[in-house]
Amino acid sequence: MNNFGVGNTYAPRAETPSMGLPGFMPPPQSGLNTSQLPAYGSYQSSKASWEAQERQSPTESVDDILASPNLSEYSLENGAESAYTGRRSKPNSASANANPRTRPQRRPSNRDEFDGPHQFLQRPPPEVIAMQERELPHLPTNLHVQEQDMVLGQVNDRLSQCAYDFVAKYQFPIPLSQNMRPVERPQDREWTEWVYLLKRLATKRRIPARVLYNGQIKQFVTILENSLEMRHASKHQSRPLKDDRNILQLISAGIQVAKILRDASAMDYLDRLYISTEKQIQERTSSRFRS
C-alpha cells in the first residue's frame, strides 16, 4: 500500500526494463545520492509537500543524468519513463493558486527546440532541384553476390577474432546471461554483440584510452558503428548488390577497427583482403572494357 502523503508529488522509482542485445545484462544504473532526497514519510499534508517541492525540484538532477552519455542509449518506456523524466502529479488547486509565481512553467513534452525560434533556408532554384532529382548515376558493380558475401564474411569473422583477443588481452568483463552461454571462442558472439560490448565498456569508462591507438577513446564508438553494416550486409541475402566502392569502404571500416584496437595481425589481414578485392574489381572492369 502506498505510504505517501496526499500532496506528495514524488513518483517512486520504477525498475528500468532490461535493454540491449541478447546475451548481455544491462549495467547498473548511474548512482544517485539518495541522501539528498527527502524522506517519503516526512510529508503530512498536501501543503507541506508542495512547499517542499518548490524548494527542491527533483527534475534538475534527473535531467542532468538523462543528458549524460552513459544513459543516452536507453529507451525509456512505461514506468521507467516517469521515473527518469521527473514527471510529477498535478498539485491541488489550493496550493497552485496560493503560489502562482513560484512554480516554473514547464514546456510540454511533445515540444522541442524546433518549436521555438527558428529559421528556414531559401529554396534552391528550380533548375538546381531538377539536376539533383534526376536519375542517380550508375556506380560500377563487378562482384557477384556470392563474392560480396564471401568478402564481407571474412571481414566479419576477422573482426570478431580481433574483438575477442582485445577483451581477453586486457581482461575486460563480459556480462553473463541465462540464455547465452559463456564466451569460449570468437564465434560465440555475433559481431554486433561484440560491438555492443565494446561500446558499453567504453561508455562506462572501463576501457582506458592508453590501450587504444593514439588514445582515440572519443572516436572509438564512431569507428565501431561504422563497421556495423558488415554483419547486416553479410547476413541479409535479400539485400541489393553493393557497388564496388561500398565493398571497399566496408573493408576499410574493418581496417580502422583493427587499427584502433592495435591489432597488427588483423590489420595486415584486412589490408591484404582490401588489396586482393580491389585487384579483382580492376581485372573485372578491364575485361569488360576489352570485350
C-alpha atoms as a PDB file:
ATOM      1  CA  MET A   1       0.000   0.000   0.000  1.00  0.00           C
ATOM      2  CA  ASN A   2       1.278   3.496  -0.839  1.00  0.00           C
ATOM      3  CA  ASN A   3       2.541   5.339   2.229  1.00  0.00           C
ATOM      4  CA  PHE A   4       2.984   8.683   0.557  1.00  0.00           C
ATOM      5  CA  GLY A   5       1.095  11.769   1.686  1.00  0.00           C
ATOM      6  CA  VAL A   6      -1.802  13.113  -0.335  1.00  0.00           C
ATOM      7  CA  GLY A   7       0.200  16.036  -1.632  1.00  0.00           C
ATOM      8  CA  ASN A   8       3.413  14.130  -2.196  1.00  0.00           C
ATOM      9  CA  THR A   9       4.388  14.574  -5.802  1.00  0.00           C
ATOM     10  CA  TYR A  10       7.437  12.428  -5.986  1.00  0.00           C
ATOM     11  CA  ALA A  11       6.910   9.292  -8.104  1.00  0.00           C
ATOM     12  CA  PRO A  12       8.558   6.106  -6.799  1.00  0.00           C
ATOM     13  CA  ARG A  13      11.437   4.888  -8.866  1.00  0.00           C
ATOM     14  CA  ALA A  14      10.383   2.315 -11.434  1.00  0.00           C
ATOM     15  CA  GLU A  15      12.582  -0.583 -12.404  1.00  0.00           C
ATOM     16  CA  THR A  16      14.313   0.050 -15.698  1.00  0.00           C
ATOM     17  CA  PRO A  17      13.398  -2.639 -18.255  1.00  0.00           C
ATOM     18  CA  SER A  18      16.204  -4.817 -19.472  1.00  0.00           C
ATOM     19  CA  MET A  19      17.686  -3.364 -22.598  1.00  0.00           C
ATOM     20  CA  GLY A  20      20.399  -4.103 -25.019  1.00  0.00           C
ATOM     21  CA  LEU A  21      21.192  -7.035 -27.169  1.00  0.00           C
ATOM     22  CA  PRO A  22      20.500 -10.574 -26.004  1.00  0.00           C
ATOM     23  CA  GLY A  23      23.338 -12.066 -24.108  1.00  0.00           C
ATOM     24  CA  PHE A  24      24.312  -9.067 -22.054  1.00  0.00           C
ATOM     25  CA  MET A  25      22.910  -7.991 -18.725  1.00  0.00           C
ATOM     26  CA  PRO A  26      22.370  -4.235 -18.620  1.00  0.00           C
ATOM     27  CA  PRO A  27      24.913  -2.412 -16.469  1.00  0.00           C
ATOM     28  CA  PRO A  28      23.943  -0.929 -13.131  1.00  0.00           C
ATOM     29  CA  GLN A  29      22.266   2.437 -13.275  1.00  0.00           C
ATOM     30  CA  SER A  30      24.269   5.532 -12.510  1.00  0.00           C
ATOM     31  CA  GLY A  31      24.302   6.065  -8.788  1.00  0.00           C
ATOM     32  CA  LEU A  32      22.091   8.758  -7.306  1.00  0.00           C
ATOM     33  CA  ASN A  33      22.905  10.337  -3.966  1.00  0.00           C
ATOM     34  CA  THR A  34      19.783   9.256  -2.110  1.00  0.00           C
ATOM     35  CA  SER A  35      20.905  11.080   0.996  1.00  0.00           C
ATOM     36  CA  GLN A  36      19.929  14.372  -0.683  1.00  0.00           C
ATOM     37  CA  LEU A  37      16.396  13.222  -1.452  1.00  0.00           C
ATOM     38  CA  PRO A  38      13.685  13.961   1.109  1.00  0.00           C
ATOM     39  CA  ALA A  39      12.226  11.070   3.072  1.00  0.00           C
ATOM     40  CA  TYR A  40       8.873   9.961   1.719  1.00  0.00           C
ATOM     41  CA  GLY A  41       7.268   9.558   5.091  1.00  0.00           C
ATOM     42  CA  SER A  42       8.104  13.094   6.236  1.00  0.00           C
ATOM     43  CA  TYR A  43       5.172  14.766   4.463  1.00  0.00           C
ATOM     44  CA  GLN A  44       1.983  15.081   6.485  1.00  0.00           C
ATOM     45  CA  SER A  45      -0.150  17.375   4.345  1.00  0.00           C
ATOM     46  CA  SER A  46      -0.570  18.425   0.749  1.00  0.00           C
ATOM     47  CA  LYS A  47       0.562  21.969   1.522  1.00  0.00           C
ATOM     48  CA  ALA A  48       3.749  20.847   3.230  1.00  0.00           C
ATOM     49  CA  SER A  49       4.673  18.512   0.405  1.00  0.00           C
ATOM     50  CA  TRP A  50       4.038  21.137  -2.267  1.00  0.00           C
ATOM     51  CA  GLU A  51       6.117  23.773  -0.469  1.00  0.00           C
ATOM     52  CA  ALA A  52       8.951  21.290  -0.015  1.00  0.00           C
ATOM     53  CA  GLN A  53       8.819  20.536  -3.689  1.00  0.00           C
ATOM     54  CA  GLU A  54       9.165  24.228  -4.564  1.00  0.00           C
ATOM     55  CA  ARG A  55      12.356  24.400  -2.539  1.00  0.00           C
ATOM     56  CA  GLN A  56      13.920  21.358  -4.188  1.00  0.00           C
ATOM     57  CA  SER A  57      12.797  20.138  -7.618  1.00  0.00           C
ATOM     58  CA  PRO A  58      13.799  16.563  -8.441  1.00  0.00           C
ATOM     59  CA  THR A  59      13.889  17.251 -12.168  1.00  0.00           C
ATOM     60  CA  GLU A  60      17.206  19.092 -12.131  1.00  0.00           C
ATOM     61  CA  SER A  61      19.370  16.138 -11.121  1.00  0.00           C
ATOM     62  CA  VAL A  62      17.351  13.700 -13.237  1.00  0.00           C
ATOM     63  CA  ASP A  63      17.633  15.884 -16.349  1.00  0.00           C
ATOM     64  CA  ASP A  64      21.375  16.088 -15.815  1.00  0.00           C
ATOM     65  CA  ILE A  65      21.543  12.307 -15.673  1.00  0.00           C
ATOM     66  CA  LEU A  66      19.472  11.931 -18.831  1.00  0.00           C
ATOM     67  CA  ALA A  67      21.819  14.295 -20.636  1.00  0.00           C
ATOM     68  CA  SER A  68      24.857  12.215 -19.759  1.00  0.00           C
ATOM     69  CA  PRO A  69      26.257   9.934 -22.497  1.00  0.00           C
ATOM     70  CA  ASN A  70      26.140   6.901 -20.207  1.00  0.00           C
ATOM     71  CA  LEU A  71      22.351   6.758 -20.398  1.00  0.00           C
ATOM     72  CA  SER A  72      21.895   8.074 -23.930  1.00  0.00           C
ATOM     73  CA  GLU A  73      21.408   4.578 -25.377  1.00  0.00           C
ATOM     74  CA  TYR A  74      18.473   3.691 -23.194  1.00  0.00           C
ATOM     75  CA  SER A  75      14.914   3.996 -24.468  1.00  0.00           C
ATOM     76  CA  LEU A  76      12.546   4.860 -21.654  1.00  0.00           C
ATOM     77  CA  GLU A  77       9.208   3.076 -21.584  1.00  0.00           C
ATOM     78  CA  ASN A  78       6.160   2.907 -19.348  1.00  0.00           C
ATOM     79  CA  GLY A  79       7.057   3.318 -15.693  1.00  0.00           C
ATOM     80  CA  ALA A  80      10.725   3.897 -16.391  1.00  0.00           C
ATOM     81  CA  GLU A  81       9.837   6.973 -18.408  1.00  0.00           C
ATOM     82  CA  SER A  82       8.110   8.667 -15.499  1.00  0.00           C
ATOM     83  CA  ALA A  83      10.950   7.760 -13.164  1.00  0.00           C
ATOM     84  CA  TYR A  84      13.641   9.275 -15.376  1.00  0.00           C
ATOM     85  CA  THR A  85      11.791  12.258 -16.857  1.00  0.00           C
ATOM     86  CA  GLY A  86      10.767  13.585 -13.463  1.00  0.00           C
ATOM     87  CA  ARG A  87       7.041  13.875 -14.253  1.00  0.00           C
ATOM     88  CA  ARG A  88       5.069  14.980 -11.224  1.00  0.00           C
ATOM     89  CA  SER A  89       1.465  14.622 -10.281  1.00  0.00           C
ATOM     90  CA  LYS A  90      -0.618  17.759 -10.567  1.00  0.00           C
ATOM     91  CA  PRO A  91      -0.920  19.666  -7.256  1.00  0.00           C
ATOM     92  CA  ASN A  92      -4.288  20.570  -5.813  1.00  0.00           C
ATOM     93  CA  SER A  93      -5.792  23.865  -6.929  1.00  0.00           C
ATOM     94  CA  ALA A  94      -5.497  25.484  -3.490  1.00  0.00           C
ATOM     95  CA  SER A  95      -1.724  25.121  -3.390  1.00  0.00           C
ATOM     96  CA  ALA A  96      -1.349  26.214  -7.023  1.00  0.00           C
ATOM     97  CA  ASN A  97      -3.453  29.343  -6.506  1.00  0.00           C
ATOM     98  CA  ALA A  98      -1.636  30.211  -3.309  1.00  0.00           C
ATOM     99  CA  ASN A  99       1.736  30.414  -5.067  1.00  0.00           C
ATOM    100  CA  PRO A 100       1.007  31.253  -8.717  1.00  0.00           C
ATOM    101  CA  ARG A 101       4.527  32.538  -9.467  1.00  0.00           C
ATOM    102  CA  THR A 102       6.680  30.054  -7.606  1.00  0.00           C
ATOM    103  CA  ARG A 103       6.130  27.084  -9.928  1.00  0.00           C
ATOM    104  CA  PRO A 104       8.237  27.297 -13.122  1.00  0.00           C
ATOM    105  CA  GLN A 105       6.360  26.902 -16.388  1.00  0.00           C
ATOM    106  CA  ARG A 106       7.203  23.504 -17.837  1.00  0.00           C
ATOM    107  CA  ARG A 107       7.427  23.023 -21.583  1.00  0.00           C
ATOM    108  CA  PRO A 108       5.089  20.347 -22.977  1.00  0.00           C
ATOM    109  CA  SER A 109       6.860  17.054 -23.501  1.00  0.00           C
ATOM    110  CA  ASN A 110       5.972  16.956 -27.209  1.00  0.00           C
ATOM    111  CA  ARG A 111       7.769  20.238 -27.928  1.00  0.00           C
ATOM    112  CA  ASP A 112      11.453  20.640 -28.711  1.00  0.00           C
ATOM    113  CA  GLU A 113      13.924  23.280 -29.867  1.00  0.00           C
ATOM    114  CA  PHE A 114      12.427  23.261 -33.366  1.00  0.00           C
ATOM    115  CA  ASP A 115       9.144  24.645 -31.970  1.00  0.00           C
ATOM    116  CA  GLY A 116      10.947  27.694 -30.605  1.00  0.00           C
ATOM    117  CA  PRO A 117      12.638  30.471 -32.587  1.00  0.00           C
ATOM    118  CA  HIS A 118      13.915  29.020 -35.854  1.00  0.00           C
ATOM    119  CA  GLN A 119      14.630  29.855 -39.474  1.00  0.00           C
ATOM    120  CA  PHE A 120      14.206  28.338 -42.938  1.00  0.00           C
ATOM    121  CA  LEU A 121      16.835  28.409 -45.662  1.00  0.00           C
ATOM    122  CA  GLN A 122      15.994  29.849 -49.048  1.00  0.00           C
ATOM    123  CA  ARG A 123      14.888  27.206 -51.528  1.00  0.00           C
ATOM    124  CA  PRO A 124      17.343  26.383 -54.322  1.00  0.00           C
ATOM    125  CA  PRO A 125      16.387  27.499 -57.847  1.00  0.00           C
ATOM    126  CA  PRO A 126      14.142  25.052 -59.758  1.00  0.00           C
ATOM    127  CA  GLU A 127      16.917  24.150 -62.195  1.00  0.00           C
ATOM    128  CA  VAL A 128      19.194  23.143 -59.304  1.00  0.00           C
ATOM    129  CA  ILE A 129      16.475  20.953 -57.799  1.00  0.00           C
ATOM    130  CA  ALA A 130      15.849  19.363 -61.194  1.00  0.00           C
ATOM    131  CA  MET A 131      19.544  18.497 -61.540  1.00  0.00           C
ATOM    132  CA  GLN A 132      19.576  16.953 -58.061  1.00  0.00           C
ATOM    133  CA  GLU A 133      16.446  14.858 -58.588  1.00  0.00           C
ATOM    134  CA  ARG A 134      17.427  13.336 -61.910  1.00  0.00           C
ATOM    135  CA  GLU A 135      18.249   9.634 -62.092  1.00  0.00           C
ATOM    136  CA  LEU A 136      21.233   8.731 -59.952  1.00  0.00           C
ATOM    137  CA  PRO A 137      24.400   7.810 -61.853  1.00  0.00           C
ATOM    138  CA  HIS A 138      25.265   4.127 -62.023  1.00  0.00           C
ATOM    139  CA  LEU A 139      28.194   3.038 -59.875  1.00  0.00           C
ATOM    140  CA  PRO A 140      30.224   0.055 -61.082  1.00  0.00           C
ATOM    141  CA  THR A 141      29.303  -3.280 -59.529  1.00  0.00           C
ATOM    142  CA  ASN A 142      31.677  -6.008 -60.654  1.00  0.00           C
ATOM    143  CA  LEU A 143      31.438  -8.516 -57.808  1.00  0.00           C
ATOM    144  CA  HIS A 144      28.707 -11.131 -57.800  1.00  0.00           C
ATOM    145  CA  VAL A 145      26.540 -11.558 -54.710  1.00  0.00           C
ATOM    146  CA  GLN A 146      28.413 -14.717 -53.642  1.00  0.00           C
ATOM    147  CA  GLU A 147      31.723 -12.896 -53.956  1.00  0.00           C
ATOM    148  CA  GLN A 148      30.444  -9.985 -51.914  1.00  0.00           C
ATOM    149  CA  ASP A 149      29.141 -12.315 -49.209  1.00  0.00           C
ATOM    150  CA  MET A 150      32.481 -14.107 -49.037  1.00  0.00           C
ATOM    151  CA  VAL A 151      34.446 -10.863 -48.672  1.00  0.00           C
ATOM    152  CA  LEU A 152      32.123  -9.387 -46.046  1.00  0.00           C
ATOM    153  CA  GLY A 153      32.041 -12.699 -44.174  1.00  0.00           C
ATOM    154  CA  GLN A 154      35.835 -12.702 -43.990  1.00  0.00           C
ATOM    155  CA  VAL A 155      35.845  -9.170 -42.600  1.00  0.00           C
ATOM    156  CA  ASN A 156      33.157 -10.056 -40.063  1.00  0.00           C
ATOM    157  CA  ASP A 157      34.963 -13.179 -38.826  1.00  0.00           C
ATOM    158  CA  ARG A 158      38.312 -11.419 -38.538  1.00  0.00           C
ATOM    159  CA  LEU A 159      36.810  -8.532 -36.600  1.00  0.00           C
ATOM    160  CA  SER A 160      35.139 -10.971 -34.185  1.00  0.00           C
ATOM    161  CA  GLN A 161      38.533 -12.581 -33.591  1.00  0.00           C
ATOM    162  CA  CYS A 162      40.052  -9.126 -33.133  1.00  0.00           C
ATOM    163  CA  ALA A 163      37.465  -8.146 -30.511  1.00  0.00           C
ATOM    164  CA  TYR A 164      37.835 -11.500 -28.730  1.00  0.00           C
ATOM    165  CA  ASP A 165      41.609 -11.066 -28.482  1.00  0.00           C
ATOM    166  CA  PHE A 166      41.257  -7.463 -27.281  1.00  0.00           C
ATOM    167  CA  VAL A 167      38.832  -8.359 -24.481  1.00  0.00           C
ATOM    168  CA  ALA A 168      40.921 -11.372 -23.451  1.00  0.00           C
ATOM    169  CA  LYS A 169      44.216  -9.465 -23.538  1.00  0.00           C
ATOM    170  CA  TYR A 170      43.099  -6.734 -21.156  1.00  0.00           C
ATOM    171  CA  GLN A 171      40.713  -8.950 -19.143  1.00  0.00           C
ATOM    172  CA  PHE A 172      37.624  -6.823 -19.652  1.00  0.00           C
ATOM    173  CA  PRO A 173      34.473  -8.305 -18.040  1.00  0.00           C
ATOM    174  CA  ILE A 174      31.795  -9.925 -20.207  1.00  0.00           C
ATOM    175  CA  PRO A 175      28.343  -9.875 -18.555  1.00  0.00           C
ATOM    176  CA  LEU A 176      26.693 -13.291 -18.375  1.00  0.00           C
ATOM    177  CA  SER A 177      23.079 -14.138 -19.096  1.00  0.00           C
ATOM    178  CA  GLN A 178      20.969 -17.235 -18.528  1.00  0.00           C
ATOM    179  CA  ASN A 179      20.011 -17.537 -22.200  1.00  0.00           C
ATOM    180  CA  MET A 180      23.567 -17.087 -23.516  1.00  0.00           C
ATOM    181  CA  ARG A 181      26.438 -19.458 -22.995  1.00  0.00           C
ATOM    182  CA  PRO A 182      29.798 -18.136 -21.798  1.00  0.00           C
ATOM    183  CA  VAL A 183      32.207 -16.983 -24.477  1.00  0.00           C
ATOM    184  CA  GLU A 184      34.795 -19.608 -25.320  1.00  0.00           C
ATOM    185  CA  ARG A 185      35.595 -18.611 -28.898  1.00  0.00           C
ATOM    186  CA  PRO A 186      35.015 -15.558 -31.122  1.00  0.00           C
ATOM    187  CA  GLN A 187      32.089 -17.204 -32.914  1.00  0.00           C
ATOM    188  CA  ASP A 188      30.096 -17.434 -29.684  1.00  0.00           C
ATOM    189  CA  ARG A 189      29.019 -13.825 -30.209  1.00  0.00           C
ATOM    190  CA  GLU A 190      27.848 -12.030 -33.330  1.00  0.00           C
ATOM    191  CA  TRP A 191      29.876  -9.056 -34.480  1.00  0.00           C
ATOM    192  CA  THR A 192      27.004  -6.768 -33.480  1.00  0.00           C
ATOM    193  CA  GLU A 193      27.239  -8.204 -29.956  1.00  0.00           C
ATOM    194  CA  TRP A 194      30.976  -7.622 -29.842  1.00  0.00           C
ATOM    195  CA  VAL A 195      30.383  -4.029 -30.937  1.00  0.00           C
ATOM    196  CA  TYR A 196      27.732  -3.601 -28.240  1.00  0.00           C
ATOM    197  CA  LEU A 197      30.069  -4.985 -25.574  1.00  0.00           C
ATOM    198  CA  LEU A 198      32.942  -2.725 -26.611  1.00  0.00           C
ATOM    199  CA  LYS A 199      30.670   0.314 -26.746  1.00  0.00           C
ATOM    200  CA  ARG A 200      29.322  -0.383 -23.251  1.00  0.00           C
ATOM    201  CA  LEU A 201      32.821  -0.867 -21.894  1.00  0.00           C
ATOM    202  CA  ALA A 202      33.850   2.446 -23.442  1.00  0.00           C
ATOM    203  CA  THR A 203      30.843   4.478 -22.286  1.00  0.00           C
ATOM    204  CA  LYS A 204      31.188   3.039 -18.783  1.00  0.00           C
ATOM    205  CA  ARG A 205      34.869   4.045 -18.816  1.00  0.00           C
ATOM    206  CA  ARG A 206      36.103   0.501 -18.431  1.00  0.00           C
ATOM    207  CA  ILE A 207      38.484   0.888 -21.405  1.00  0.00           C
ATOM    208  CA  PRO A 208      41.423   3.208 -20.659  1.00  0.00           C
ATOM    209  CA  ALA A 209      42.440   5.448 -23.532  1.00  0.00           C
ATOM    210  CA  ARG A 210      46.043   4.252 -23.361  1.00  0.00           C
ATOM    211  CA  VAL A 211      45.139   0.800 -24.750  1.00  0.00           C
ATOM    212  CA  LEU A 212      43.722   2.333 -27.954  1.00  0.00           C
ATOM    213  CA  TYR A 213      45.652   3.684 -30.912  1.00  0.00           C
ATOM    214  CA  ASN A 214      46.704   7.267 -30.132  1.00  0.00           C
ATOM    215  CA  GLY A 215      44.311   7.215 -27.162  1.00  0.00           C
ATOM    216  CA  GLN A 216      41.346   7.793 -29.502  1.00  0.00           C
ATOM    217  CA  ILE A 217      38.674   6.983 -26.948  1.00  0.00           C
ATOM    218  CA  LYS A 218      36.306   9.650 -28.307  1.00  0.00           C
ATOM    219  CA  GLN A 219      36.480   8.226 -31.834  1.00  0.00           C
ATOM    220  CA  PHE A 220      36.187   4.628 -30.619  1.00  0.00           C
ATOM    221  CA  VAL A 221      32.387   4.346 -30.672  1.00  0.00           C
ATOM    222  CA  THR A 222      32.114   6.036 -34.074  1.00  0.00           C
ATOM    223  CA  ILE A 223      34.667   3.676 -35.621  1.00  0.00           C
ATOM    224  CA  LEU A 224      32.821   0.673 -34.188  1.00  0.00           C
ATOM    225  CA  GLU A 225      29.468   1.869 -35.519  1.00  0.00           C
ATOM    226  CA  ASN A 226      30.916   2.364 -38.998  1.00  0.00           C
ATOM    227  CA  SER A 227      31.604  -1.369 -39.120  1.00  0.00           C
ATOM    228  CA  LEU A 228      28.107  -2.458 -38.088  1.00  0.00           C
ATOM    229  CA  GLU A 229      26.869  -2.642 -41.678  1.00  0.00           C
ATOM    230  CA  MET A 230      29.256  -5.533 -42.181  1.00  0.00           C
ATOM    231  CA  ARG A 231      27.112  -8.007 -40.286  1.00  0.00           C
ATOM    232  CA  HIS A 232      23.891  -6.703 -41.785  1.00  0.00           C
ATOM    233  CA  ALA A 233      25.261  -6.925 -45.310  1.00  0.00           C
ATOM    234  CA  SER A 234      26.652 -10.431 -44.938  1.00  0.00           C
ATOM    235  CA  LYS A 235      23.536 -11.948 -43.330  1.00  0.00           C
ATOM    236  CA  HIS A 236      20.657 -10.459 -45.313  1.00  0.00           C
ATOM    237  CA  GLN A 237      20.514 -12.329 -48.588  1.00  0.00           C
ATOM    238  CA  SER A 238      17.623 -10.243 -49.935  1.00  0.00           C
ATOM    239  CA  ARG A 239      19.687  -7.066 -49.912  1.00  0.00           C
ATOM    240  CA  PRO A 240      20.573  -5.416 -53.239  1.00  0.00           C
ATOM    241  CA  LEU A 241      24.062  -5.714 -54.650  1.00  0.00           C
ATOM    242  CA  LYS A 242      26.565  -3.256 -53.277  1.00  0.00           C
ATOM    243  CA  ASP A 243      28.708  -1.260 -55.638  1.00  0.00           C
ATOM    244  CA  ASP A 244      32.453  -1.811 -55.703  1.00  0.00           C
ATOM    245  CA  ARG A 245      33.256   1.340 -53.770  1.00  0.00           C
ATOM    246  CA  ASN A 246      30.888   0.339 -50.963  1.00  0.00           C
ATOM    247  CA  ILE A 247      32.518  -3.079 -50.626  1.00  0.00           C
ATOM    248  CA  LEU A 248      35.961  -1.496 -50.395  1.00  0.00           C
ATOM    249  CA  GLN A 249      34.592   1.042 -47.922  1.00  0.00           C
ATOM    250  CA  LEU A 250      33.341  -1.726 -45.618  1.00  0.00           C
ATOM    251  CA  ILE A 251      36.719  -3.453 -45.706  1.00  0.00           C
ATOM    252  CA  SER A 252      38.343  -0.126 -44.899  1.00  0.00           C
ATOM    253  CA  ALA A 253      35.987   0.312 -41.929  1.00  0.00           C
ATOM    254  CA  GLY A 254      37.173  -3.043 -40.623  1.00  0.00           C
ATOM    255  CA  ILE A 255      40.789  -1.954 -41.023  1.00  0.00           C
ATOM    256  CA  GLN A 256      40.071   1.105 -38.876  1.00  0.00           C
ATOM    257  CA  VAL A 257      38.605  -1.120 -36.134  1.00  0.00           C
ATOM    258  CA  ALA A 258      41.715  -3.310 -36.124  1.00  0.00           C
ATOM    259  CA  LYS A 259      43.873  -0.182 -36.106  1.00  0.00           C
ATOM    260  CA  ILE A 260      42.240   1.474 -33.103  1.00  0.00           C
ATOM    261  CA  LEU A 261      42.382  -1.855 -31.227  1.00  0.00           C
ATOM    262  CA  ARG A 262      46.096  -2.003 -32.086  1.00  0.00           C
ATOM    263  CA  ASP A 263      45.855  -5.466 -33.615  1.00  0.00           C
ATOM    264  CA  ALA A 264      48.659  -5.616 -36.181  1.00  0.00           C
ATOM    265  CA  SER A 265      47.841  -9.122 -37.425  1.00  0.00           C
ATOM    266  CA  ALA A 266      44.166  -8.300 -38.013  1.00  0.00           C
ATOM    267  CA  MET A 267      45.092  -5.039 -39.684  1.00  0.00           C
ATOM    268  CA  ASP A 268      47.531  -6.828 -42.001  1.00  0.00           C
ATOM    269  CA  TYR A 269      44.954  -9.498 -42.877  1.00  0.00           C
ATOM    270  CA  LEU A 270      42.251  -6.955 -43.733  1.00  0.00           C
ATOM    271  CA  ASP A 271      44.683  -4.784 -45.682  1.00  0.00           C
ATOM    272  CA  ARG A 272      45.660  -7.760 -47.850  1.00  0.00           C
ATOM    273  CA  LEU A 273      41.962  -8.543 -48.326  1.00  0.00           C
ATOM    274  CA  TYR A 274      41.387  -4.955 -49.444  1.00  0.00           C
ATOM    275  CA  ILE A 275      44.226  -5.146 -51.988  1.00  0.00           C
ATOM    276  CA  SER A 276      43.101  -8.500 -53.403  1.00  0.00           C
ATOM    277  CA  THR A 277      39.474  -7.364 -53.652  1.00  0.00           C
ATOM    278  CA  GLU A 278      40.463  -4.122 -55.340  1.00  0.00           C
ATOM    279  CA  LYS A 279      42.632  -6.067 -57.807  1.00  0.00           C
ATOM    280  CA  GLN A 280      39.753  -8.422 -58.595  1.00  0.00           C
ATOM    281  CA  ILE A 281      37.474  -5.448 -59.266  1.00  0.00           C
ATOM    282  CA  GLN A 282      40.039  -3.825 -61.550  1.00  0.00           C
ATOM    283  CA  GLU A 283      40.546  -7.041 -63.510  1.00  0.00           C
ATOM    284  CA  ARG A 284      36.806  -7.476 -63.913  1.00  0.00           C
ATOM    285  CA  THR A 285      36.499  -3.881 -65.114  1.00  0.00           C
ATOM    286  CA  SER A 286      39.352  -4.257 -67.618  1.00  0.00           C
ATOM    287  CA  SER A 287      37.882  -7.431 -69.098  1.00  0.00           C
ATOM    288  CA  ARG A 288      34.563  -5.692 -69.646  1.00  0.00           C
ATOM    289  CA  PHE A 289      36.220  -2.809 -71.466  1.00  0.00           C
ATOM    290  CA  ARG A 290      38.160  -5.212 -73.715  1.00  0.00           C
ATOM    291  CA  SER A 291      35.018  -7.109 -74.609  1.00  0.00           C
END
